[in-house]
Every structure is written in structure tokens, then in C-alpha cells.
Amino acid sequence: MADRAQPTTNSASEADPDWATLIGRAVDDVSRIVQSELHTLRADMGDYLEARVNRAIGSLALAALMASGAICILCAAVLLLHQWLPWWQAFGCTGLAAVAAGIVGNAAIRPSTRVNT
């Protein structure tokens, strides 16, 4: 029984790799494709997030500038009114004007919720 000959293989099957090797190569190729796609996505997301952060910082700086300008205008209004009124009345009038402007601005910005019948 020891002399039993090993089964012979034809030359076509020697050139073809076995299924395990083919599956291994396919998995390796898919993993490389996924890695390259993830790398591209990470680069694109990084650029997008950087642009969004830069825009948010610019908007925040603009809002701070506008707020400081509004405070200066309110202080100037109080000082102007103080020439004719006591301090408490000057602050009261300026505060009422600021609240009224806020209400009007809010009403102008808010979309109308009318229902057409």
C-alpha cells in the first residue's frame, strides 16, 4: 500500500490557483478598495469640516462686531437723552426702544403661519 501512486494532476489545474487563494485575493482586493475609499472620504470630510469651521468663526466674529456696535449705539442714545432727561429716564427710553425694535425684527423674520381657507 505504500507504493500507491499519488493522483496525477493535469497541467491546467496546476496553472489555476485553488479556491482558497482566489477568495483570499478577492478579500484582499476588496479591503484595499475600501481602505482607499475611506481615505478619500476622510480627506473630503476634512476639507468640508475645515471650511465649515472657518465660516462659523467668521460668522461669530461678525456677530461680535455687530453686537459691540449695537452696544455703542445704545450708549450714545442714552448719553444723548441724558442731556434732557435724568439717567434712569434715558436708560428707560433707550431700553424700550431696543425692546420694540427686537419685537418688530422678530415679527419681520418669523414666517407667517396663516392657513389659507
PDB file of N, CA and C in Angstrom:
ATOM      1  N   MET A   1       0.780  -1.173   0.000  1.00  0.00           N
ATOM      2  CA  MET A   1       0.000   0.000   0.000  1.00  0.00           C
ATOM      3  C   MET A   1       0.841   1.265   0.000  1.00  0.00           C
ATOM      4  N   ALA A   2       2.055   1.110   0.411  1.00  0.00           N
ATOM      5  CA  ALA A   2       2.918   2.266   0.456  1.00  0.00           C
ATOM      6  C   ALA A   2       3.309   2.733  -0.935  1.00  0.00           C
ATOM      7  N   ASP A   3       3.281   1.801  -1.915  1.00  0.00           N
ATOM      8  CA  ASP A   3       3.675   2.212  -3.248  1.00  0.00           C
ATOM      9  C   ASP A   3       2.538   2.883  -4.003  1.00  0.00           C
ATOM     10  N   ARG A   4       1.540   3.099  -3.377  1.00  0.00           N
ATOM     11  CA  ARG A   4       0.400   3.687  -4.040  1.00  0.00           C
ATOM     12  C   ARG A   4       0.778   5.031  -4.669  1.00  0.00           C
ATOM     13  N   ALA A   5       0.460   5.187  -5.860  1.00  0.00           N
ATOM     14  CA  ALA A   5       0.848   6.396  -6.593  1.00  0.00           C
ATOM     15  C   ALA A   5      -0.102   7.528  -6.234  1.00  0.00           C
ATOM     16  N   GLN A   6       0.482   8.671  -6.166  1.00  0.00           N
ATOM     17  CA  GLN A   6      -0.312   9.874  -5.914  1.00  0.00           C
ATOM     18  C   GLN A   6      -1.127  10.185  -7.157  1.00  0.00           C
ATOM     19  N   PRO A   7      -2.340  10.711  -6.976  1.00  0.00           N
ATOM     20  CA  PRO A   7      -3.108  11.035  -8.162  1.00  0.00           C
ATOM     21  C   PRO A   7      -2.393  12.103  -8.974  1.00  0.00           C
ATOM     22  N   THR A   8      -2.420  11.932 -10.235  1.00  0.00           N
ATOM     23  CA  THR A   8      -1.759  12.893 -11.108  1.00  0.00           C
ATOM     24  C   THR A   8      -2.713  14.039 -11.400  1.00  0.00           C
ATOM     25  N   THR A   9      -2.139  15.171 -11.591  1.00  0.00           N
ATOM     26  CA  THR A   9      -2.937  16.346 -11.931  1.00  0.00           C
ATOM     27  C   THR A   9      -2.552  16.798 -13.314  1.00  0.00           C
ATOM     28  N   ASN A  10      -3.497  17.273 -14.019  1.00  0.00           N
ATOM     29  CA  ASN A  10      -3.175  17.747 -15.363  1.00  0.00           C
ATOM     30  C   ASN A  10      -2.551  19.134 -15.286  1.00  0.00           C
ATOM     31  N   SER A  11      -2.013  19.603 -16.356  1.00  0.00           N
ATOM     32  CA  SER A  11      -1.285  20.872 -16.367  1.00  0.00           C
ATOM     33  C   SER A  11      -2.226  22.068 -16.208  1.00  0.00           C
ATOM     34  N   ALA A  12      -3.502  21.959 -16.591  1.00  0.00           N
ATOM     35  CA  ALA A  12      -4.438  23.070 -16.464  1.00  0.00           C
ATOM     36  C   ALA A  12      -4.728  23.367 -15.007  1.00  0.00           C
ATOM     37  N   SER A  13      -4.851  22.338 -14.184  1.00  0.00           N
ATOM     38  CA  SER A  13      -5.141  22.594 -12.783  1.00  0.00           C
ATOM     39  C   SER A  13      -3.924  23.095 -12.034  1.00  0.00           C
ATOM     40  N   GLU A  14      -2.709  22.805 -12.510  1.00  0.00           N
ATOM     41  CA  GLU A  14      -1.506  23.337 -11.861  1.00  0.00           C
ATOM     42  C   GLU A  14      -1.381  24.842 -12.095  1.00  0.00           C
ATOM     43  N   ALA A  15      -1.851  25.326 -13.217  1.00  0.00           N
ATOM     44  CA  ALA A  15      -1.769  26.754 -13.511  1.00  0.00           C
ATOM     45  C   ALA A  15      -2.835  27.534 -12.749  1.00  0.00           C
ATOM     46  N   ASP A  16      -3.981  26.926 -12.463  1.00  0.00           N
ATOM     47  CA  ASP A  16      -5.051  27.595 -11.741  1.00  0.00           C
ATOM     48  C   ASP A  16      -4.815  27.481 -10.248  1.00  0.00           C
ATOM     49  N   PRO A  17      -4.878  28.599  -9.534  1.00  0.00           N
ATOM     50  CA  PRO A  17      -4.755  28.508  -8.074  1.00  0.00           C
ATOM     51  C   PRO A  17      -6.010  27.891  -7.477  1.00  0.00           C
ATOM     52  N   ASP A  18      -5.897  27.436  -6.276  1.00  0.00           N
ATOM     53  CA  ASP A  18      -7.055  26.820  -5.628  1.00  0.00           C
ATOM     54  C   ASP A  18      -8.032  27.897  -5.149  1.00  0.00           C
ATOM     55  N   TRP A  19      -9.216  27.489  -4.736  1.00  0.00           N
ATOM     56  CA  TRP A  19     -10.290  28.399  -4.335  1.00  0.00           C
ATOM     57  C   TRP A  19      -9.897  29.247  -3.131  1.00  0.00           C
ATOM     58  N   ALA A  20      -9.189  28.677  -2.199  1.00  0.00           N
ATOM     59  CA  ALA A  20      -8.807  29.427  -1.005  1.00  0.00           C
ATOM     60  C   ALA A  20      -7.932  30.620  -1.370  1.00  0.00           C
ATOM     61  N   THR A  21      -7.010  30.419  -2.308  1.00  0.00           N
ATOM     62  CA  THR A  21      -6.150  31.522  -2.736  1.00  0.00           C
ATOM     63  C   THR A  21      -6.959  32.590  -3.457  1.00  0.00           C
ATOM     64  N   LEU A  22      -7.878  32.155  -4.321  1.00  0.00           N
ATOM     65  CA  LEU A  22      -8.717  33.119  -5.034  1.00  0.00           C
ATOM     66  C   LEU A  22      -9.577  33.939  -4.083  1.00  0.00           C
ATOM     67  N   ILE A  23     -10.173  33.298  -3.108  1.00  0.00           N
ATOM     68  CA  ILE A  23     -11.002  34.015  -2.129  1.00  0.00           C
ATOM     69  C   ILE A  23     -10.143  34.963  -1.309  1.00  0.00           C
ATOM     70  N   GLY A  24      -8.948  34.516  -0.927  1.00  0.00           N
ATOM     71  CA  GLY A  24      -8.036  35.379  -0.177  1.00  0.00           C
ATOM     72  C   GLY A  24      -7.652  36.619  -0.957  1.00  0.00           C
ATOM     73  N   ARG A  25      -7.364  36.446  -2.257  1.00  0.00           N
ATOM     74  CA  ARG A  25      -7.017  37.593  -3.097  1.00  0.00           C
ATOM     75  C   ARG A  25      -8.212  38.536  -3.268  1.00  0.00           C
ATOM     76  N   ALA A  26      -9.405  37.963  -3.427  1.00  0.00           N
ATOM     77  CA  ALA A  26     -10.602  38.795  -3.583  1.00  0.00           C
ATOM     78  C   ALA A  26     -10.850  39.619  -2.326  1.00  0.00           C
ATOM     79  N   VAL A  27     -10.721  38.998  -1.165  1.00  0.00           N
ATOM     80  CA  VAL A  27     -10.912  39.720   0.098  1.00  0.00           C
ATOM     81  C   VAL A  27      -9.852  40.797   0.251  1.00  0.00           C
ATOM     82  N   ASP A  28      -8.623  40.482  -0.132  1.00  0.00           N
ATOM     83  CA  ASP A  28      -7.544  41.466  -0.043  1.00  0.00           C
ATOM     84  C   ASP A  28      -7.818  42.650  -0.970  1.00  0.00           C
ATOM     85  N   ASP A  29      -8.261  42.378  -2.198  1.00  0.00           N
ATOM     86  CA  ASP A  29      -8.577  43.456  -3.131  1.00  0.00           C
ATOM     87  C   ASP A  29      -9.723  44.325  -2.625  1.00  0.00           C
ATOM     88  N   VAL A  30     -10.768  43.698  -2.097  1.00  0.00           N
ATOM     89  CA  VAL A  30     -11.902  44.456  -1.563  1.00  0.00           C
ATOM     90  C   VAL A  30     -11.462  45.305  -0.378  1.00  0.00           C
ATOM     91  N   SER A  31     -10.622  44.760   0.485  1.00  0.00           N
ATOM     92  CA  SER A  31     -10.169  45.542   1.641  1.00  0.00           C
ATOM     93  C   SER A  31      -9.317  46.724   1.196  1.00  0.00           C
ATOM     94  N   ARG A  32      -8.512  46.565   0.164  1.00  0.00           N
ATOM     95  CA  ARG A  32      -7.726  47.691  -0.353  1.00  0.00           C
ATOM     96  C   ARG A  32      -8.632  48.767  -0.942  1.00  0.00           C
ATOM     97  N   ILE A  33      -9.659  48.352  -1.670  1.00  0.00           N
ATOM     98  CA  ILE A  33     -10.592  49.317  -2.245  1.00  0.00           C
ATOM     99  C   ILE A  33     -11.320  50.080  -1.146  1.00  0.00           C
ATOM    100  N   VAL A  34     -11.770  49.364  -0.122  1.00  0.00           N
ATOM    101  CA  VAL A  34     -12.464  50.014   0.994  1.00  0.00           C
ATOM    102  C   VAL A  34     -11.534  50.983   1.712  1.00  0.00           C
ATOM    103  N   GLN A  35     -10.278  50.581   1.916  1.00  0.00           N
ATOM    104  CA  GLN A  35      -9.325  51.475   2.583  1.00  0.00           C
ATOM    105  C   GLN A  35      -9.081  52.733   1.768  1.00  0.00           C
ATOM    106  N   SER A  36      -8.947  52.596   0.453  1.00  0.00           N
ATOM    107  CA  SER A  36      -8.709  53.794  -0.368  1.00  0.00           C
ATOM    108  C   SER A  36      -9.940  54.697  -0.392  1.00  0.00           C
ATOM    109  N   GLU A  37     -11.138  54.112  -0.424  1.00  0.00           N
ATOM    110  CA  GLU A  37     -12.353  54.920  -0.378  1.00  0.00           C
ATOM    111  C   GLU A  37     -12.491  55.649   0.956  1.00  0.00           C
ATOM    112  N   LEU A  38     -12.174  54.966   2.041  1.00  0.00           N
ATOM    113  CA  LEU A  38     -12.230  55.609   3.362  1.00  0.00           C
ATOM    114  C   LEU A  38     -11.206  56.728   3.463  1.00  0.00           C
ATOM    115  N   HIS A  39     -10.036  56.524   2.891  1.00  0.00           N
ATOM    116  CA  HIS A  39      -9.015  57.576   2.909  1.00  0.00           C
ATOM    117  C   HIS A  39      -9.503  58.799   2.121  1.00  0.00           C
ATOM    118  N   THR A  40     -10.123  58.565   0.968  1.00  0.00           N
ATOM    119  CA  THR A  40     -10.667  59.662   0.168  1.00  0.00           C
ATOM    120  C   THR A  40     -11.787  60.376   0.912  1.00  0.00           C
ATOM    121  N   LEU A  41     -12.664  59.596   1.545  1.00  0.00           N
ATOM    122  CA  LEU A  41     -13.762  60.192   2.304  1.00  0.00           C
ATOM    123  C   LEU A  41     -13.234  61.023   3.464  1.00  0.00           C
ATOM    124  N   ARG A  42     -12.224  60.516   4.145  1.00  0.00           N
ATOM    125  CA  ARG A  42     -11.645  61.251   5.267  1.00  0.00           C
ATOM    126  C   ARG A  42     -11.040  62.563   4.792  1.00  0.00           C
ATOM    127  N   ALA A  43     -10.361  62.545   3.653  1.00  0.00           N
ATOM    128  CA  ALA A  43      -9.764  63.775   3.120  1.00  0.00           C
ATOM    129  C   ALA A  43     -10.859  64.768   2.723  1.00  0.00           C
ATOM    130  N   ASP A  44     -11.912  64.277   2.063  1.00  0.00           N
ATOM    131  CA  ASP A  44     -13.006  65.165   1.663  1.00  0.00           C
ATOM    132  C   ASP A  44     -13.727  65.739   2.877  1.00  0.00           C
ATOM    133  N   MET A  45     -13.984  64.910   3.879  1.00  0.00           N
ATOM    134  CA  MET A  45     -14.662  65.380   5.085  1.00  0.00           C
ATOM    135  C   MET A  45     -13.796  66.384   5.837  1.00  0.00           C
ATOM    136  N   GLY A  46     -12.497  66.171   5.831  1.00  0.00           N
ATOM    137  CA  GLY A  46     -11.603  67.119   6.495  1.00  0.00           C
ATOM    138  C   GLY A  46     -11.672  68.490   5.855  1.00  0.00           C
ATOM    139  N   ASP A  47     -11.663  68.528   4.526  1.00  0.00           N
ATOM    140  CA  ASP A  47     -11.764  69.807   3.819  1.00  0.00           C
ATOM    141  C   ASP A  47     -13.106  70.472   4.091  1.00  0.00           C
ATOM    142  N   TYR A  48     -14.180  69.663   4.079  1.00  0.00           N
ATOM    143  CA  TYR A  48     -15.513  70.197   4.324  1.00  0.00           C
ATOM    144  C   TYR A  48     -15.624  70.770   5.731  1.00  0.00           C
ATOM    145  N   LEU A  49     -15.141  70.015   6.716  1.00  0.00           N
ATOM    146  CA  LEU A  49     -15.225  70.488   8.102  1.00  0.00           C
ATOM    147  C   LEU A  49     -14.371  71.722   8.324  1.00  0.00           C
ATOM    148  N   GLU A  50     -13.220  71.774   7.686  1.00  0.00           N
ATOM    149  CA  GLU A  50     -12.364  72.953   7.827  1.00  0.00           C
ATOM    150  C   GLU A  50     -13.048  74.191   7.262  1.00  0.00           C
ATOM    151  N   ALA A  51     -13.704  74.037   6.116  1.00  0.00           N
ATOM    152  CA  ALA A  51     -14.418  75.169   5.523  1.00  0.00           C
ATOM    153  C   ALA A  51     -15.576  75.597   6.415  1.00  0.00           C
ATOM    154  N   ARG A  52     -16.309  74.643   6.981  1.00  0.00           N
ATOM    155  CA  ARG A  52     -17.435  74.979   7.854  1.00  0.00           C
ATOM    156  C   ARG A  52     -16.954  75.677   9.128  1.00  0.00           C
ATOM    157  N   VAL A  53     -15.855  75.212   9.709  1.00  0.00           N
ATOM    158  CA  VAL A  53     -15.323  75.847  10.923  1.00  0.00           C
ATOM    159  C   VAL A  53     -14.863  77.262  10.619  1.00  0.00           C
ATOM    160  N   ASN A  54     -14.189  77.440   9.490  1.00  0.00           N
ATOM    161  CA  ASN A  54     -13.751  78.791   9.114  1.00  0.00           C
ATOM    162  C   ASN A  54     -14.935  79.720   8.913  1.00  0.00           C
ATOM    163  N   ARG A  55     -15.993  79.209   8.304  1.00  0.00           N
ATOM    164  CA  ARG A  55     -17.188  80.031   8.106  1.00  0.00           C
ATOM    165  C   ARG A  55     -17.851  80.362   9.440  1.00  0.00           C
ATOM    166  N   ALA A  56     -17.902  79.388  10.351  1.00  0.00           N
ATOM    167  CA  ALA A  56     -18.507  79.634  11.665  1.00  0.00           C
ATOM    168  C   ALA A  56     -17.703  80.660  12.445  1.00  0.00           C
ATOM    169  N   ILE A  57     -16.391  80.586  12.372  1.00  0.00           N
ATOM    170  CA  ILE A  57     -15.548  81.560  13.081  1.00  0.00           C
ATOM    171  C   ILE A  57     -15.761  82.958  12.502  1.00  0.00           C
ATOM    172  N   GLY A  58     -15.844  83.049  11.174  1.00  0.00           N
ATOM    173  CA  GLY A  58     -16.104  84.348  10.545  1.00  0.00           C
ATOM    174  C   GLY A  58     -17.462  84.905  10.947  1.00  0.00           C
ATOM    175  N   SER A  59     -18.471  84.040  10.980  1.00  0.00           N
ATOM    176  CA  SER A  59     -19.807  84.494  11.385  1.00  0.00           C
ATOM    177  C   SER A  59     -19.823  84.931  12.839  1.00  0.00           C
ATOM    178  N   LEU A  60     -19.120  84.204  13.678  1.00  0.00           N
ATOM    179  CA  LEU A  60     -19.056  84.567  15.095  1.00  0.00           C
ATOM    180  C   LEU A  60     -18.349  85.909  15.285  1.00  0.00           C
ATOM    181  N   ALA A  61     -17.268  86.125  14.557  1.00  0.00           N
ATOM    182  CA  ALA A  61     -16.562  87.403  14.653  1.00  0.00           C
ATOM    183  C   ALA A  61     -17.441  88.543  14.154  1.00  0.00           C
ATOM    184  N   LEU A  62     -18.185  88.306  13.080  1.00  0.00           N
ATOM    185  CA  LEU A  62     -19.085  89.336  12.567  1.00  0.00           C
ATOM    186  C   LEU A  62     -20.207  89.636  13.555  1.00  0.00           C
ATOM    187  N   ALA A  63     -20.754  88.596  14.183  1.00  0.00           N
ATOM    188  CA  ALA A  63     -21.811  88.799  15.181  1.00  0.00           C
ATOM    189  C   ALA A  63     -21.281  89.583  16.384  1.00  0.00           C
ATOM    190  N   ALA A  64     -20.054  89.289  16.823  1.00  0.00           N
ATOM    191  CA  ALA A  64     -19.458  90.027  17.944  1.00  0.00           C
ATOM    192  C   ALA A  64     -19.238  91.488  17.570  1.00  0.00           C
ATOM    193  N   LEU A  65     -18.813  91.723  16.355  1.00  0.00           N
ATOM    194  CA  LEU A  65     -18.607  93.101  15.897  1.00  0.00           C
ATOM    195  C   LEU A  65     -19.932  93.856  15.852  1.00  0.00           C
ATOM    196  N   MET A  66     -20.966  93.198  15.340  1.00  0.00           N
ATOM    197  CA  MET A  66     -22.274  93.852  15.282  1.00  0.00           C
ATOM    198  C   MET A  66     -22.845  94.088  16.680  1.00  0.00           C
ATOM    199  N   ALA A  67     -22.638  93.171  17.594  1.00  0.00           N
ATOM    200  CA  ALA A  67     -23.132  93.351  18.956  1.00  0.00           C
ATOM    201  C   ALA A  67     -22.427  94.514  19.645  1.00  0.00           C
ATOM    202  N   SER A  68     -21.114  94.620  19.456  1.00  0.00           N
ATOM    203  CA  SER A  68     -20.400  95.740  20.080  1.00  0.00           C
ATOM    204  C   SER A  68     -20.828  97.065  19.453  1.00  0.00           C
ATOM    205  N   GLY A  69     -21.107  97.058  18.158  1.00  0.00           N
ATOM    206  CA  GLY A  69     -21.614  98.273  17.517  1.00  0.00           C
ATOM    207  C   GLY A  69     -22.982  98.662  18.049  1.00  0.00           C
ATOM    208  N   ALA A  70     -23.847  97.656  18.264  1.00  0.00           N
ATOM    209  CA  ALA A  70     -25.182  97.938  18.805  1.00  0.00           C
ATOM    210  C   ALA A  70     -25.076  98.495  20.222  1.00  0.00           C
ATOM    211  N   ILE A  71     -24.162  97.964  21.022  1.00  0.00           N
ATOM    212  CA  ILE A  71     -23.979  98.464  22.389  1.00  0.00           C
ATOM    213  C   ILE A  71     -23.497  99.921  22.354  1.00  0.00           C
ATOM    214  N   CYS A  72     -22.585 100.224  21.430  1.00  0.00           N
ATOM    215  CA  CYS A  72     -22.106 101.612  21.315  1.00  0.00           C
ATOM    216  C   CYS A  72     -23.232 102.555  20.911  1.00  0.00           C
ATOM    217  N   ILE A  73     -24.081 102.108  19.989  1.00  0.00           N
ATOM    218  CA  ILE A  73     -25.206 102.952  19.567  1.00  0.00           C
ATOM    219  C   ILE A  73     -26.174 103.170  20.724  1.00  0.00           C
ATOM    220  N   LEU A  74     -26.449 102.122  21.508  1.00  0.00           N
ATOM    221  CA  LEU A  74     -27.333 102.270  22.666  1.00  0.00           C
ATOM    222  C   LEU A  74     -26.742 103.221  23.702  1.00  0.00           C
ATOM    223  N   CYS A  75     -25.440 103.106  23.927  1.00  0.00           N
ATOM    224  CA  CYS A  75     -24.798 104.018  24.895  1.00  0.00           C
ATOM    225  C   CYS A  75     -24.854 105.463  24.395  1.00  0.00           C
ATOM    226  N   ALA A  76     -24.650 105.646  23.102  1.00  0.00           N
ATOM    227  CA  ALA A  76     -24.732 107.002  22.545  1.00  0.00           C
ATOM    228  C   ALA A  76     -26.150 107.548  22.678  1.00  0.00           C
ATOM    229  N   ALA A  77     -27.155 106.690  22.479  1.00  0.00           N
ATOM    230  CA  ALA A  77     -28.545 107.147  22.635  1.00  0.00           C
ATOM    231  C   ALA A  77     -28.819 107.541  24.071  1.00  0.00           C
ATOM    232  N   VAL A  78     -28.305 106.755  25.025  1.00  0.00           N
ATOM    233  CA  VAL A  78     -28.506 107.093  26.437  1.00  0.00           C
ATOM    234  C   VAL A  78     -27.837 108.425  26.757  1.00  0.00           C
ATOM    235  N   LEU A  79     -26.600 108.605  26.295  1.00  0.00           N
ATOM    236  CA  LEU A  79     -25.895 109.862  26.569  1.00  0.00           C
ATOM    237  C   LEU A  79     -26.597 111.055  25.912  1.00  0.00           C
ATOM    238  N   LEU A  80     -27.136 110.837  24.737  1.00  0.00           N
ATOM    239  CA  LEU A  80     -27.866 111.923  24.080  1.00  0.00           C
ATOM    240  C   LEU A  80     -29.130 112.267  24.858  1.00  0.00           C
ATOM    241  N   LEU A  81     -29.880 111.262  25.282  1.00  0.00           N
ATOM    242  CA  LEU A  81     -31.105 111.524  26.042  1.00  0.00           C
ATOM    243  C   LEU A  81     -30.800 112.122  27.416  1.00  0.00           C
ATOM    244  N   HIS A  82     -29.607 111.801  27.959  1.00  0.00           N
ATOM    245  CA  HIS A  82     -29.273 112.317  29.282  1.00  0.00           C
ATOM    246  C   HIS A  82     -29.088 113.837  29.262  1.00  0.00           C
ATOM    247  N   GLN A  83     -28.890 114.425  28.121  1.00  0.00           N
ATOM    248  CA  GLN A  83     -28.768 115.874  28.065  1.00  0.00           C
ATOM    249  C   GLN A  83     -30.085 116.551  28.448  1.00  0.00           C
ATOM    250  N   TRP A  84     -31.216 115.839  28.263  1.00  0.00           N
ATOM    251  CA  TRP A  84     -32.520 116.427  28.571  1.00  0.00           C
ATOM    252  C   TRP A  84     -33.232 115.703  29.698  1.00  0.00           C
ATOM    253  N   LEU A  85     -32.877 114.452  29.979  1.00  0.00           N
ATOM    254  CA  LEU A  85     -33.578 113.636  30.976  1.00  0.00           C
ATOM    255  C   LEU A  85     -32.591 113.132  32.024  1.00  0.00           C
ATOM    256  N   PRO A  86     -33.139 112.736  33.194  1.00  0.00           N
ATOM    257  CA  PRO A  86     -32.261 112.088  34.174  1.00  0.00           C
ATOM    258  C   PRO A  86     -31.792 110.727  33.632  1.00  0.00           C
ATOM    259  N   TRP A  87     -30.765 110.166  34.280  1.00  0.00           N
ATOM    260  CA  TRP A  87     -30.183 108.902  33.807  1.00  0.00           C
ATOM    261  C   TRP A  87     -31.225 107.784  33.698  1.00  0.00           C
ATOM    262  N   TRP A  88     -32.031 107.626  34.713  1.00  0.00           N
ATOM    263  CA  TRP A  88     -32.961 106.492  34.708  1.00  0.00           C
ATOM    264  C   TRP A  88     -33.964 106.607  33.575  1.00  0.00           C
ATOM    265  N   GLN A  89     -34.374 107.821  33.250  1.00  0.00           N
ATOM    266  CA  GLN A  89     -35.310 108.002  32.145  1.00  0.00           C
ATOM    267  C   GLN A  89     -34.620 107.781  30.786  1.00  0.00           C
ATOM    268  N   ALA A  90     -33.378 108.193  30.688  1.00  0.00           N
ATOM    269  CA  ALA A  90     -32.631 107.988  29.439  1.00  0.00           C
ATOM    270  C   ALA A  90     -32.436 106.492  29.180  1.00  0.00           C
ATOM    271  N   PHE A  91     -32.064 105.749  30.251  1.00  0.00           N
ATOM    272  CA  PHE A  91     -31.911 104.294  30.093  1.00  0.00           C
ATOM    273  C   PHE A  91     -33.253 103.626  29.810  1.00  0.00           C
ATOM    274  N   GLY A  92     -34.306 104.082  30.452  1.00  0.00           N
ATOM    275  CA  GLY A  92     -35.630 103.502  30.230  1.00  0.00           C
ATOM    276  C   GLY A  92     -36.103 103.697  28.800  1.00  0.00           C
ATOM    277  N   CYS A  93     -35.946 104.908  28.290  1.00  0.00           N
ATOM    278  CA  CYS A  93     -36.380 105.176  26.907  1.00  0.00           C
ATOM    279  C   CYS A  93     -35.559 104.356  25.911  1.00  0.00           C
ATOM    280  N   THR A  94     -34.265 104.283  26.123  1.00  0.00           N
ATOM    281  CA  THR A  94     -33.416 103.504  25.213  1.00  0.00           C
ATOM    282  C   THR A  94     -33.744 102.018  25.287  1.00  0.00           C
ATOM    283  N   GLY A  95     -33.997 101.517  26.496  1.00  0.00           N
ATOM    284  CA  GLY A  95     -34.367 100.113  26.654  1.00  0.00           C
ATOM    285  C   GLY A  95     -35.680  99.781  25.984  1.00  0.00           C
ATOM    286  N   LEU A  96     -36.673 100.677  26.147  1.00  0.00           N
ATOM    287  CA  LEU A  96     -37.964 100.453  25.490  1.00  0.00           C
ATOM    288  C   LEU A  96     -37.823 100.464  23.965  1.00  0.00           C
ATOM    289  N   ALA A  97     -37.007 101.364  23.460  1.00  0.00           N
ATOM    290  CA  ALA A  97     -36.795 101.417  22.014  1.00  0.00           C
ATOM    291  C   ALA A  97     -36.095 100.150  21.521  1.00  0.00           C
ATOM    292  N   ALA A  98     -35.145  99.636  22.299  1.00  0.00           N
ATOM    293  CA  ALA A  98     -34.447  98.406  21.906  1.00  0.00           C
ATOM    294  C   ALA A  98     -35.390  97.205  21.919  1.00  0.00           C
ATOM    295  N   VAL A  99     -36.245  97.117  22.943  1.00  0.00           N
ATOM    296  CA  VAL A  99     -37.209  96.010  23.020  1.00  0.00           C
ATOM    297  C   VAL A  99     -38.209  96.100  21.872  1.00  0.00           C
ATOM    298  N   ALA A 100     -38.686  97.291  21.572  1.00  0.00           N
ATOM    299  CA  ALA A 100     -39.621  97.461  20.462  1.00  0.00           C
ATOM    300  C   ALA A 100     -38.969  97.079  19.137  1.00  0.00           C
ATOM    301  N   ALA A 101     -37.722  97.463  18.939  1.00  0.00           N
ATOM    302  CA  ALA A 101     -37.011  97.100  17.716  1.00  0.00           C
ATOM    303  C   ALA A 101     -36.824  95.586  17.627  1.00  0.00           C
ATOM    304  N   GLY A 102     -36.579  94.932  18.769  1.00  0.00           N
ATOM    305  CA  GLY A 102     -36.454  93.477  18.783  1.00  0.00           C
ATOM    306  C   GLY A 102     -37.748  92.776  18.429  1.00  0.00           C
ATOM    307  N   ILE A 103     -38.862  93.293  18.938  1.00  0.00           N
ATOM    308  CA  ILE A 103     -40.163  92.692  18.634  1.00  0.00           C
ATOM    309  C   ILE A 103     -40.500  92.853  17.157  1.00  0.00           C
ATOM    310  N   VAL A 104     -40.253  94.031  16.629  1.00  0.00           N
ATOM    311  CA  VAL A 104     -40.524  94.274  15.206  1.00  0.00           C
ATOM    312  C   VAL A 104     -39.606  93.421  14.330  1.00  0.00           C
ATOM    313  N   GLY A 105     -38.352  93.323  14.686  1.00  0.00           N
ATOM    314  CA  GLY A 105     -37.414  92.494  13.925  1.00  0.00           C
ATOM    315  C   GLY A 105     -37.778  91.025  13.961  1.00  0.00           C
ATOM    316  N   ASN A 106     -38.206  90.553  15.126  1.00  0.00           N
ATOM    317  CA  ASN A 106     -38.628  89.151  15.259  1.00  0.00           C
ATOM    318  C   ASN A 106     -39.864  88.881  14.420  1.00  0.00           C
ATOM    319  N   ALA A 107     -40.806  89.811  14.419  1.00  0.00           N
ATOM    320  CA  ALA A 107     -42.018  89.629  13.622  1.00  0.00           C
ATOM    321  C   ALA A 107     -41.697  89.656  12.126  1.00  0.00           C
ATOM    322  N   ALA A 108     -40.729  90.453  11.732  1.00  0.00           N
ATOM    323  CA  ALA A 108     -40.366  90.529  10.321  1.00  0.00           C
ATOM    324  C   ALA A 108     -39.636  89.270   9.855  1.00  0.00           C
ATOM    325  N   ILE A 109     -38.847  88.679  10.722  1.00  0.00           N
ATOM    326  CA  ILE A 109     -38.078  87.485  10.362  1.00  0.00           C
ATOM    327  C   ILE A 109     -38.937  86.241  10.367  1.00  0.00           C
ATOM    328  N   ARG A 110     -39.810  86.113  11.345  1.00  0.00           N
ATOM    329  CA  ARG A 110     -40.636  84.914  11.503  1.00  0.00           C
ATOM    330  C   ARG A 110     -41.561  84.753  10.305  1.00  0.00           C
ATOM    331  N   PRO A 111     -41.607  83.564   9.714  1.00  0.00           N
ATOM    332  CA  PRO A 111     -42.519  83.359   8.585  1.00  0.00           C
ATOM    333  C   PRO A 111     -43.968  83.349   9.039  1.00  0.00           C
ATOM    334  N   SER A 112     -44.836  83.801   8.162  1.00  0.00           N
ATOM    335  CA  SER A 112     -46.248  83.837   8.526  1.00  0.00           C
ATOM    336  C   SER A 112     -46.783  82.431   8.540  1.00  0.00           C
ATOM    337  N   THR A 113     -47.680  82.151   9.502  1.00  0.00           N
ATOM    338  CA  THR A 113     -48.245  80.809   9.664  1.00  0.00           C
ATOM    339  C   THR A 113     -49.726  80.818   9.356  1.00  0.00           C
ATOM    340  N   ARG A 114     -50.152  81.684   8.451  1.00  0.00           N
ATOM    341  CA  ARG A 114     -51.558  81.761   8.095  1.00  0.00           C
ATOM    342  C   ARG A 114     -51.965  80.527   7.314  1.00  0.00           C
ATOM    343  N   VAL A 115     -53.152  80.074   7.582  1.00  0.00           N
ATOM    344  CA  VAL A 115     -53.712  78.937   6.864  1.00  0.00           C
ATOM    345  C   VAL A 115     -54.717  79.459   5.854  1.00  0.00           C
ATOM    346  N   ASN A 116     -54.521  79.116   4.615  1.00  0.00           N
ATOM    347  CA  ASN A 116     -55.460  79.555   3.573  1.00  0.00           C
ATOM    348  C   ASN A 116     -56.721  78.698   3.650  1.00  0.00           C
ATOM    349  N   THR A 117     -57.869  79.335   3.733  1.00  0.00           N
ATOM    350  CA  THR A 117     -59.125  78.565   3.803  1.00  0.00           C
ATOM    351  C   THR A 117     -59.953  78.798   2.562  1.00  0.00           C
TER     352      THR A 117
END
